[in-house]
C-alpha atoms as a PDB file:
ATOM      1  CA  MET A   1      11.847  -8.308  14.683  1.00  0.00           C
ATOM      2  CA  CYS A   2      10.102  -4.921  14.621  1.00  0.00           C
ATOM      3  CA  PRO A   3       8.582  -3.784  11.204  1.00  0.00           C
ATOM      4  CA  GLU A   4      11.287  -1.095  10.596  1.00  0.00           C
ATOM      5  CA  ASP A   5      13.811  -3.867  10.714  1.00  0.00           C
ATOM      6  CA  LYS A   6      12.240  -5.895   8.531  1.00  0.00           C
ATOM      7  CA  VAL A   7      12.033  -3.475   5.959  1.00  0.00           C
ATOM      8  CA  LEU A   8      15.563  -2.525   6.356  1.00  0.00           C
ATOM      9  CA  LEU A   9      16.630  -6.179   6.293  1.00  0.00           C
ATOM     10  CA  MET A  10      14.680  -6.240   2.849  1.00  0.00           C
ATOM     11  CA  LEU A  11      16.180  -3.159   1.471  1.00  0.00           C
ATOM     12  CA  SER A  12      19.846  -4.167   2.151  1.00  0.00           C
ATOM     13  CA  TYR A  13      19.207  -7.288   0.622  1.00  0.00           C
ATOM     14  CA  TYR A  14      18.372  -5.687  -2.788  1.00  0.00           C
ATOM     15  CA  ARG A  15      20.502  -2.873  -2.520  1.00  0.00           C
ATOM     16  CA  GLU A  16      23.960  -4.566  -1.218  1.00  0.00           C
ATOM     17  CA  TYR A  17      23.431  -7.880  -3.236  1.00  0.00           C
ATOM     18  CA  ARG A  18      24.750  -9.271  -0.022  1.00  0.00           C
ATOM     19  CA  THR A  19      23.657 -13.260   0.534  1.00  0.00           C
ATOM     20  CA  LEU A  20      20.896 -13.714   2.811  1.00  0.00           C
ATOM     21  CA  GLU A  21      23.284 -15.482   5.374  1.00  0.00           C
ATOM     22  CA  HIS A  22      25.575 -12.451   5.835  1.00  0.00           C
ATOM     23  CA  ILE A  23      22.213 -10.036   6.279  1.00  0.00           C
ATOM     24  CA  GLY A  24      20.840 -12.515   8.539  1.00  0.00           C
ATOM     25  CA  PHE A  25      24.080 -12.203  10.685  1.00  0.00           C
ATOM     26  CA  ASP A  26      23.776  -8.729  10.709  1.00  0.00           C
ATOM     27  CA  PHE A  27      20.371  -8.546  11.788  1.00  0.00           C
ATOM     28  CA  GLY A  28      21.130 -11.708  14.184  1.00  0.00           C
ATOM     29  CA  VAL A  29      18.671 -14.012  12.434  1.00  0.00           C
ATOM     30  CA  SER A  30      18.951 -17.478  10.504  1.00  0.00           C
ATOM     31  CA  GLU A  31      19.173 -17.169   6.839  1.00  0.00           C
ATOM     32  CA  ALA A  32      16.054 -18.800   6.346  1.00  0.00           C
ATOM     33  CA  THR A  33      14.328 -16.157   8.969  1.00  0.00           C
ATOM     34  CA  ALA A  34      15.840 -13.230   6.526  1.00  0.00           C
ATOM     35  CA  SER A  35      14.291 -15.083   3.634  1.00  0.00           C
ATOM     36  CA  ARG A  36      11.031 -15.339   5.084  1.00  0.00           C
ATOM     37  CA  VAL A  37      11.373 -11.664   6.235  1.00  0.00           C
ATOM     38  CA  VAL A  38      12.053 -10.454   2.673  1.00  0.00           C
ATOM     39  CA  ARG A  39       9.303 -12.433   0.566  1.00  0.00           C
ATOM     40  CA  GLU A  40       6.991 -11.418   3.611  1.00  0.00           C
ATOM     41  CA  VAL A  41       7.961  -7.643   3.478  1.00  0.00           C
ATOM     42  CA  GLU A  42       7.962  -7.924  -0.498  1.00  0.00           C
ATOM     43  CA  LYS A  43       4.062  -9.256  -0.578  1.00  0.00           C
ATOM     44  CA  VAL A  44       2.994  -6.547   1.687  1.00  0.00           C
ATOM     45  CA  LEU A  45       4.300  -4.142  -0.589  1.00  0.00           C
ATOM     46  CA  ILE A  46       2.979  -5.779  -3.898  1.00  0.00           C
ATOM     47  CA  GLN A  47      -0.440  -6.036  -1.923  1.00  0.00           C
ATOM     48  CA  SER A  48      -0.496  -2.562  -1.043  1.00  0.00           C
ATOM     49  CA  GLY A  49      -0.469  -1.327  -4.760  1.00  0.00           C
ATOM     50  CA  LYS A  50       1.695   2.030  -3.989  1.00  0.00           C
ATOM     51  CA  PHE A  51       4.992   0.133  -4.922  1.00  0.00           C
ATOM     52  CA  SER A  52       4.005  -1.868  -8.438  1.00  0.00           C
ATOM     53  CA  LEU A  53       5.661  -0.298 -11.447  1.00  0.00           C
ATOM     54  CA  PRO A  54       3.797   0.523 -14.578  1.00  0.00           C
ATOM     55  CA  GLY A  55       3.586  -2.016 -17.107  1.00  0.00           C
ATOM     56  CA  LYS A  56       5.044  -1.885 -20.752  1.00  0.00           C
ATOM     57  CA  LYS A  57       1.715  -0.722 -22.230  1.00  0.00           C
ATOM     58  CA  ALA A  58       1.703   2.214 -19.556  1.00  0.00           C
ATOM     59  CA  LEU A  59       5.326   2.845 -20.805  1.00  0.00           C
ATOM     60  CA  TYR A  60       4.636   3.114 -24.293  1.00  0.00           C
ATOM     61  CA  ALA A  61       1.502   4.981 -23.912  1.00  0.00           C
ATOM     62  CA  ASN A  62       3.309   8.075 -23.124  1.00  0.00           C
ATOM     63  CA  GLU A  63       4.687   9.008 -26.578  1.00  0.00           C
ATOM     64  CA  GLY A  64       6.187  11.942 -25.274  1.00  0.00           C
ATOM     65  CA  ALA A  65       8.771  10.874 -22.744  1.00  0.00           C
ATOM     66  CA  ALA A  66      12.079   9.833 -23.697  1.00  0.00           C
ATOM     67  CA  LEU A  67      12.896   6.089 -23.012  1.00  0.00           C
ATOM     68  CA  GLU A  68      16.179   4.829 -21.552  1.00  0.00           C
ATOM     69  CA  TYR A  69      17.818   1.760 -22.475  1.00  0.00           C
ATOM     70  CA  VAL A  70      20.532  -0.331 -20.738  1.00  0.00           C
ATOM     71  CA  VAL A  71      22.086  -2.931 -22.820  1.00  0.00           C
ATOM     72  CA  ILE A  72      23.998  -5.776 -20.970  1.00  0.00           C
ATOM     73  CA  ASP A  73      26.174  -7.906 -22.551  1.00  0.00           C
ATOM     74  CA  ALA A  74      26.242 -10.885 -20.902  1.00  0.00           C
ATOM     75  CA  MET A  75      27.486 -13.620 -23.434  1.00  0.00           C
ATOM     76  CA  GLU A  76      29.543 -16.424 -22.563  1.00  0.00           C
ATOM     77  CA  CYS A  77      33.199 -16.526 -23.859  1.00  0.00           C
ATOM     78  CA  SER A  78      35.216 -19.653 -24.125  1.00  0.00           C
ATOM     79  CA  VAL A  79      38.401 -20.077 -22.665  1.00  0.00           C
ATOM     80  CA  GLU A  80      41.316 -21.833 -24.217  1.00  0.00           C
ATOM     81  CA  ARG A  81      42.757 -24.836 -22.176  1.00  0.00           C
ATOM     82  CA  PRO A  82      45.794 -26.674 -22.755  1.00  0.00           C
ATOM     83  CA  LYS A  83      45.162 -29.713 -24.726  1.00  0.00           C
ATOM     84  CA  LYS A  84      45.803 -33.129 -22.626  1.00  0.00           C
ATOM     85  CA  SER A  85      48.114 -35.604 -24.097  1.00  0.00           C
ATOM     86  CA  ASN A  86      47.517 -39.010 -23.270  1.00  0.00           C
ATOM     87  CA  THR A  87      51.307 -39.986 -23.887  1.00  0.00           C
ATOM     88  CA  ALA A  88      52.553 -38.012 -21.213  1.00  0.00           C
ATOM     89  CA  ALA A  89      50.344 -39.078 -18.496  1.00  0.00           C
ATOM     90  CA  THR A  90      51.074 -42.621 -19.557  1.00  0.00           C
ATOM     91  CA  ALA A  91      54.822 -42.304 -19.165  1.00  0.00           C
ATOM     92  CA  ALA A  92      54.455 -40.683 -16.155  1.00  0.00           C
ATOM     93  CA  ARG A  93      52.416 -43.002 -14.758  1.00  0.00           C
ATOM     94  CA  LYS A  94      54.728 -46.016 -16.104  1.00  0.00           C
ATOM     95  CA  SER A  95      58.242 -44.388 -14.596  1.00  0.00           C
ATOM     96  CA  ALA A  96      56.384 -43.720 -11.453  1.00  0.00           C
ATOM     97  CA  THR A  97      55.698 -47.383 -10.991  1.00  0.00           C
ATOM     98  CA  ALA A  98      58.666 -49.105 -12.446  1.00  0.00           C
END
């Protein structure tokens, strides 16, 4: 793959939230190759130093800037399921064998 396609593959992986299998299919490569390309391009971008995010301390150092927060509620909720009754299952089995 040419470098442009590799970057496009990685960006589509992060932007579209599709599986590597689907993205690999679009680019004509296997899922393993798509995964390897994503890791390779990430490594190159991180090593360049131009695509790194500032740390938490750097964000708090600029006190004049307004901070924005996004809160996501990802709490699990229990689901009520019907109670299983042993008598109904036993009666059905006995009548099926008689």
